[in-house]
Amino acid sequence: MSEINHLATVVEEHFANPQGSSFAHFITVTDGLTGQQAATTPAPRFNSVWAVVNHVAFWMDVLRASIGGEAVDLAAWGLTEMGGGWPPLGEVSDANWLAARQRALDLNHALAAAIRTLDEAILEQPSERFWDQAPYQAILAIYSHNSYHTAESISIRHMQELWIDHP
């Protein structure tokens, strides 16, 4: 497997494919919640699972756009500036929650597809497109970012006594 395919596969599989793994993936951690449960902030200064989902999706969209040489449509995210990348939830409903979760999954697949378009020769070359980092650093950063926030979502669920079923 090429390094490009390896990076794309890791970003995608560790987010959206819980098969054959010993840890809980994003798709597992966000499954089975109602819109109200996903929007609940369990304590002061904590995020909701939904806020985390929007945040993770936003940054995957930012990296996907950077790979393609595009700008992110901040208005589509309900933002006027990038800031920390915490788009608003919008109206709380089961349908809107499921749409937000699906958007994150779709962006994860789109990001993996974008990674697969990279030329392996540029993987280690810092670029303005990648915030003066090499592309592989930006890809590993989003992988780490997704992992961190998946674990945060587990903690948020546990604070609400919404345990996840994971073998």
C-alpha atoms as a PDB file:
ATOM      1  CA  MET A   1       0.000   0.000   0.000  1.00  0.00           C
ATOM      2  CA  SER A   2       1.340   3.442  -0.873  1.00  0.00           C
ATOM      3  CA  GLU A   3       1.898   5.951   1.905  1.00  0.00           C
ATOM      4  CA  ILE A   4      -0.902   8.139   0.484  1.00  0.00           C
ATOM      5  CA  ASN A   5      -3.363   5.247   0.573  1.00  0.00           C
ATOM      6  CA  HIS A   6      -2.158   4.278   4.031  1.00  0.00           C
ATOM      7  CA  LEU A   7      -2.789   7.786   5.391  1.00  0.00           C
ATOM      8  CA  ALA A   8      -6.211   8.018   3.712  1.00  0.00           C
ATOM      9  CA  THR A   9      -7.215   4.593   4.989  1.00  0.00           C
ATOM     10  CA  VAL A  10      -6.183   5.380   8.564  1.00  0.00           C
ATOM     11  CA  VAL A  11      -8.090   8.685   8.567  1.00  0.00           C
ATOM     12  CA  GLU A  12     -11.190   6.993   7.163  1.00  0.00           C
ATOM     13  CA  GLU A  13     -11.200   3.598   8.855  1.00  0.00           C
ATOM     14  CA  HIS A  14     -10.407   4.815  12.350  1.00  0.00           C
ATOM     15  CA  PHE A  15     -13.299   7.254  12.100  1.00  0.00           C
ATOM     16  CA  ALA A  16     -16.061   5.386  10.352  1.00  0.00           C
ATOM     17  CA  ASN A  17     -15.359   1.644  10.404  1.00  0.00           C
ATOM     18  CA  PRO A  18     -15.529  -0.002  13.816  1.00  0.00           C
ATOM     19  CA  GLN A  19     -15.050  -3.530  12.458  1.00  0.00           C
ATOM     20  CA  GLY A  20     -12.139  -5.441  13.897  1.00  0.00           C
ATOM     21  CA  SER A  21     -10.938  -2.781  16.280  1.00  0.00           C
ATOM     22  CA  SER A  22     -10.305  -2.676  19.974  1.00  0.00           C
ATOM     23  CA  PHE A  23     -11.374   0.934  20.471  1.00  0.00           C
ATOM     24  CA  ALA A  24     -14.544   2.915  19.878  1.00  0.00           C
ATOM     25  CA  HIS A  25     -14.665   4.891  16.653  1.00  0.00           C
ATOM     26  CA  PHE A  26     -16.530   8.130  15.979  1.00  0.00           C
ATOM     27  CA  ILE A  27     -19.361   6.251  14.278  1.00  0.00           C
ATOM     28  CA  THR A  28     -19.864   4.053  17.353  1.00  0.00           C
ATOM     29  CA  VAL A  29     -19.536   6.887  19.854  1.00  0.00           C
ATOM     30  CA  THR A  30     -22.131   9.050  18.095  1.00  0.00           C
ATOM     31  CA  ASP A  31     -24.610   6.252  17.424  1.00  0.00           C
ATOM     32  CA  GLY A  32     -27.941   5.906  19.189  1.00  0.00           C
ATOM     33  CA  LEU A  33     -28.305   9.464  20.491  1.00  0.00           C
ATOM     34  CA  THR A  34     -31.381  11.610  20.150  1.00  0.00           C
ATOM     35  CA  GLY A  35     -30.989  15.208  19.080  1.00  0.00           C
ATOM     36  CA  GLN A  36     -31.609  16.367  22.643  1.00  0.00           C
ATOM     37  CA  GLN A  37     -29.026  13.954  24.088  1.00  0.00           C
ATOM     38  CA  ALA A  38     -26.459  14.990  21.481  1.00  0.00           C
ATOM     39  CA  ALA A  39     -27.103  18.693  22.205  1.00  0.00           C
ATOM     40  CA  THR A  40     -26.842  18.355  25.993  1.00  0.00           C
ATOM     41  CA  THR A  41     -23.866  19.960  27.672  1.00  0.00           C
ATOM     42  CA  PRO A  42     -23.301  17.821  30.774  1.00  0.00           C
ATOM     43  CA  ALA A  43     -21.629  20.484  32.926  1.00  0.00           C
ATOM     44  CA  PRO A  44     -20.344  24.039  32.715  1.00  0.00           C
ATOM     45  CA  ARG A  45     -17.411  24.502  30.316  1.00  0.00           C
ATOM     46  CA  PHE A  46     -18.055  21.159  28.579  1.00  0.00           C
ATOM     47  CA  ASN A  47     -19.088  20.669  24.977  1.00  0.00           C
ATOM     48  CA  SER A  48     -22.024  18.655  23.763  1.00  0.00           C
ATOM     49  CA  VAL A  49     -21.490  15.635  21.529  1.00  0.00           C
ATOM     50  CA  TRP A  50     -23.209  17.563  18.742  1.00  0.00           C
ATOM     51  CA  ALA A  51     -20.843  20.531  19.155  1.00  0.00           C
ATOM     52  CA  VAL A  52     -17.898  18.150  18.951  1.00  0.00           C
ATOM     53  CA  VAL A  53     -19.345  16.508  15.819  1.00  0.00           C
ATOM     54  CA  ASN A  54     -19.716  19.894  14.114  1.00  0.00           C
ATOM     55  CA  HIS A  55     -16.203  20.900  15.172  1.00  0.00           C
ATOM     56  CA  VAL A  56     -14.598  17.704  13.879  1.00  0.00           C
ATOM     57  CA  ALA A  57     -16.555  17.901  10.621  1.00  0.00           C
ATOM     58  CA  PHE A  58     -15.556  21.534  10.125  1.00  0.00           C
ATOM     59  CA  TRP A  59     -11.836  20.831  10.460  1.00  0.00           C
ATOM     60  CA  MET A  60     -12.050  17.826   8.142  1.00  0.00           C
ATOM     61  CA  ASP A  61     -13.710  20.150   5.625  1.00  0.00           C
ATOM     62  CA  VAL A  62     -10.919  22.699   6.112  1.00  0.00           C
ATOM     63  CA  LEU A  63      -8.235  20.084   5.365  1.00  0.00           C
ATOM     64  CA  ARG A  64     -10.223  18.643   2.447  1.00  0.00           C
ATOM     65  CA  ALA A  65     -10.547  22.128   0.965  1.00  0.00           C
ATOM     66  CA  SER A  66      -6.849  22.841   1.539  1.00  0.00           C
ATOM     67  CA  ILE A  67      -5.873  19.693  -0.324  1.00  0.00           C
ATOM     68  CA  GLY A  68      -8.027  20.825  -3.252  1.00  0.00           C
ATOM     69  CA  GLY A  69      -6.731  24.395  -3.131  1.00  0.00           C
ATOM     70  CA  GLU A  70     -10.200  25.696  -2.182  1.00  0.00           C
ATOM     71  CA  ALA A  71     -11.520  28.017   0.484  1.00  0.00           C
ATOM     72  CA  VAL A  72     -13.975  26.681   3.044  1.00  0.00           C
ATOM     73  CA  ASP A  73     -17.463  28.144   2.775  1.00  0.00           C
ATOM     74  CA  LEU A  74     -17.738  29.595   6.278  1.00  0.00           C
ATOM     75  CA  ALA A  75     -21.330  30.720   5.718  1.00  0.00           C
ATOM     76  CA  ALA A  76     -22.341  27.106   5.017  1.00  0.00           C
ATOM     77  CA  TRP A  77     -21.071  26.339   8.515  1.00  0.00           C
ATOM     78  CA  GLY A  78     -22.906  29.266  10.097  1.00  0.00           C
ATOM     79  CA  LEU A  79     -19.609  31.056  10.759  1.00  0.00           C
ATOM     80  CA  THR A  80     -18.374  34.514   9.808  1.00  0.00           C
ATOM     81  CA  GLU A  81     -14.758  33.696  10.637  1.00  0.00           C
ATOM     82  CA  MET A  82     -12.785  30.507  11.120  1.00  0.00           C
ATOM     83  CA  GLY A  83     -11.864  31.155  14.744  1.00  0.00           C
ATOM     84  CA  GLY A  84     -11.626  27.884  16.642  1.00  0.00           C
ATOM     85  CA  GLY A  85     -13.963  26.167  14.220  1.00  0.00           C
ATOM     86  CA  TRP A  86     -16.997  25.592  16.430  1.00  0.00           C
ATOM     87  CA  PRO A  87     -20.058  25.914  14.168  1.00  0.00           C
ATOM     88  CA  PRO A  88     -23.409  26.474  15.889  1.00  0.00           C
ATOM     89  CA  LEU A  89     -25.799  23.565  16.362  1.00  0.00           C
ATOM     90  CA  GLY A  90     -28.834  25.208  14.838  1.00  0.00           C
ATOM     91  CA  GLU A  91     -32.298  23.975  15.738  1.00  0.00           C
ATOM     92  CA  VAL A  92     -32.176  20.927  18.015  1.00  0.00           C
ATOM     93  CA  SER A  93     -34.110  18.020  16.543  1.00  0.00           C
ATOM     94  CA  ASP A  94     -33.466  14.370  15.870  1.00  0.00           C
ATOM     95  CA  ALA A  95     -33.429  14.986  12.118  1.00  0.00           C
ATOM     96  CA  ASN A  96     -30.911  17.850  12.393  1.00  0.00           C
ATOM     97  CA  TRP A  97     -28.695  15.804  14.700  1.00  0.00           C
ATOM     98  CA  LEU A  98     -28.674  12.858  12.307  1.00  0.00           C
ATOM     99  CA  ALA A  99     -27.904  15.232   9.421  1.00  0.00           C
ATOM    100  CA  ALA A 100     -24.974  16.742  11.355  1.00  0.00           C
ATOM    101  CA  ARG A 101     -23.622  13.283  12.176  1.00  0.00           C
ATOM    102  CA  GLN A 102     -24.002  12.170   8.551  1.00  0.00           C
ATOM    103  CA  ARG A 103     -22.263  15.346   7.375  1.00  0.00           C
ATOM    104  CA  ALA A 104     -19.258  14.439   9.525  1.00  0.00           C
ATOM    105  CA  LEU A 105     -19.195  10.914   8.104  1.00  0.00           C
ATOM    106  CA  ASP A 106     -19.537  12.221   4.541  1.00  0.00           C
ATOM    107  CA  LEU A 107     -16.744  14.734   5.090  1.00  0.00           C
ATOM    108  CA  ASN A 108     -14.539  12.007   6.504  1.00  0.00           C
ATOM    109  CA  HIS A 109     -14.994  10.005   3.294  1.00  0.00           C
ATOM    110  CA  ALA A 110     -14.465  13.139   1.188  1.00  0.00           C
ATOM    111  CA  LEU A 111     -11.278  13.927   3.112  1.00  0.00           C
ATOM    112  CA  ALA A 112      -9.942  10.403   2.555  1.00  0.00           C
ATOM    113  CA  ALA A 113     -10.733  10.720  -1.165  1.00  0.00           C
ATOM    114  CA  ALA A 114      -8.922  14.079  -1.277  1.00  0.00           C
ATOM    115  CA  ILE A 115      -5.885  12.618   0.489  1.00  0.00           C
ATOM    116  CA  ARG A 116      -5.738   9.899  -2.168  1.00  0.00           C
ATOM    117  CA  THR A 117      -5.327  12.608  -4.842  1.00  0.00           C
ATOM    118  CA  LEU A 118      -2.105  13.908  -3.319  1.00  0.00           C
ATOM    119  CA  ASP A 119       1.188  13.318  -5.066  1.00  0.00           C
ATOM    120  CA  GLU A 120       3.383  11.264  -2.778  1.00  0.00           C
ATOM    121  CA  ALA A 121       6.363  13.398  -3.823  1.00  0.00           C
ATOM    122  CA  ILE A 122       4.955  16.391  -1.879  1.00  0.00           C
ATOM    123  CA  LEU A 123       4.098  14.566   1.359  1.00  0.00           C
ATOM    124  CA  GLU A 124       7.121  15.911   3.217  1.00  0.00           C
ATOM    125  CA  GLN A 125       7.271  19.380   1.636  1.00  0.00           C
ATOM    126  CA  PRO A 126       5.941  22.201   3.805  1.00  0.00           C
ATOM    127  CA  SER A 127       3.339  24.272   2.025  1.00  0.00           C
ATOM    128  CA  GLU A 128       1.302  27.397   2.687  1.00  0.00           C
ATOM    129  CA  ARG A 129      -1.780  25.335   1.801  1.00  0.00           C
ATOM    130  CA  PHE A 130      -1.064  23.248   4.899  1.00  0.00           C
ATOM    131  CA  TRP A 131      -0.272  26.095   7.293  1.00  0.00           C
ATOM    132  CA  ASP A 132       3.457  25.829   6.517  1.00  0.00           C
ATOM    133  CA  GLN A 133       3.422  22.151   7.460  1.00  0.00           C
ATOM    134  CA  ALA A 134       4.092  19.186   5.237  1.00  0.00           C
ATOM    135  CA  PRO A 135       0.884  17.484   4.054  1.00  0.00           C
ATOM    136  CA  TYR A 136       1.631  14.342   6.075  1.00  0.00           C
ATOM    137  CA  GLN A 137       1.811  16.497   9.247  1.00  0.00           C
ATOM    138  CA  ALA A 138      -1.592  18.046   8.513  1.00  0.00           C
ATOM    139  CA  ILE A 139      -3.081  14.604   7.840  1.00  0.00           C
ATOM    140  CA  LEU A 140      -1.682  13.134  11.045  1.00  0.00           C
ATOM    141  CA  ALA A 141      -2.882  16.218  12.931  1.00  0.00           C
ATOM    142  CA  ILE A 142      -6.473  15.698  11.743  1.00  0.00           C
ATOM    143  CA  TYR A 143      -6.236  12.012  12.673  1.00  0.00           C
ATOM    144  CA  SER A 144      -5.087  12.986  16.171  1.00  0.00           C
ATOM    145  CA  HIS A 145      -7.711  15.721  16.373  1.00  0.00           C
ATOM    146  CA  ASN A 146     -10.478  13.260  15.461  1.00  0.00           C
ATOM    147  CA  SER A 147      -9.200  10.724  17.986  1.00  0.00           C
ATOM    148  CA  TYR A 148      -9.023  13.313  20.768  1.00  0.00           C
ATOM    149  CA  HIS A 149     -12.559  14.539  20.140  1.00  0.00           C
ATOM    150  CA  THR A 150     -13.937  11.010  19.821  1.00  0.00           C
ATOM    151  CA  ALA A 151     -12.584  10.323  23.309  1.00  0.00           C
ATOM    152  CA  GLU A 152     -14.070  13.617  24.496  1.00  0.00           C
ATOM    153  CA  SER A 153     -17.456  12.487  23.165  1.00  0.00           C
ATOM    154  CA  ILE A 154     -17.157   9.238  25.105  1.00  0.00           C
ATOM    155  CA  SER A 155     -16.579  11.263  28.286  1.00  0.00           C
ATOM    156  CA  ILE A 156     -19.551  13.521  27.530  1.00  0.00           C
ATOM    157  CA  ARG A 157     -21.769  10.484  27.017  1.00  0.00           C
ATOM    158  CA  HIS A 158     -20.524   8.889  30.241  1.00  0.00           C
ATOM    159  CA  MET A 159     -21.292  12.076  32.166  1.00  0.00           C
ATOM    160  CA  GLN A 160     -24.866  11.717  30.885  1.00  0.00           C
ATOM    161  CA  GLU A 161     -24.895   7.991  31.745  1.00  0.00           C
ATOM    162  CA  LEU A 162     -25.317   7.209  28.053  1.00  0.00           C
ATOM    163  CA  TRP A 163     -22.962   4.254  27.859  1.00  0.00           C
ATOM    164  CA  ILE A 164     -21.877   2.910  24.507  1.00  0.00           C
ATOM    165  CA  ASP A 165     -21.971  -0.718  23.502  1.00  0.00           C
ATOM    166  CA  HIS A 166     -18.543  -1.667  22.277  1.00  0.00           C
ATOM    167  CA  PRO A 167     -17.240  -5.212  22.208  1.00  0.00           C
END
